[in-house]
Amino acid sequence: MSEDGNPDDATLLAGLDTTTPAWARLLALADRFAAEPHAADDYRWTRPERRADGAVTMAYPVYGERVTQARRALAEVGAVTPAYHWMRRPRVRYDDGALSPGDAIRMATSVVRGERFNEGTLGRAVESGALRAVLVALATWYRDRPGA
């Protein structure tokens, strides 16, 4: 645990469930995102519409199958964690397109939880390559971990 109460990398990594079958899906998704970082059907925005009663529906993102599967797999392996206080922390940066495994957990938590408060956060992570970086970092860690 760091001095500010947030978990260090070792604590975050210890929170991952290495026994869940969701890793097989996450590994396959990491390979797919590495080969094609942004597919045409990853997400789209609906259009605002005026209903017959005059009310206007707001636009919202609709996520494709692989983005939905990635979000689900990240949660199932434990990479989306309440241990990381994402709302109190600065955004995780990745200058070279790569993340450490600990920062991948931080970013996964921020992106997936952030979607609940700001629709489109997950879509922006797809566009920027952040979702790909998260998946690749965690897949690399899982494949290379001791005892794998």
Foldseek 3Di string as FASTA:
>chain_A
DDPVQADDLVVQVVQFALPDPLLVLLLVLLVVCVVPLADPQQKDKDPWDQDPVRDIDDIAMDGDDSLVSLLVSCVNRRLQDPRGPLVPDDQDDDDVLADAQSNLSSNSNCQSVVCVVPGCSSVVCSVVSVSSRSSNNNNVCSVPPPPD
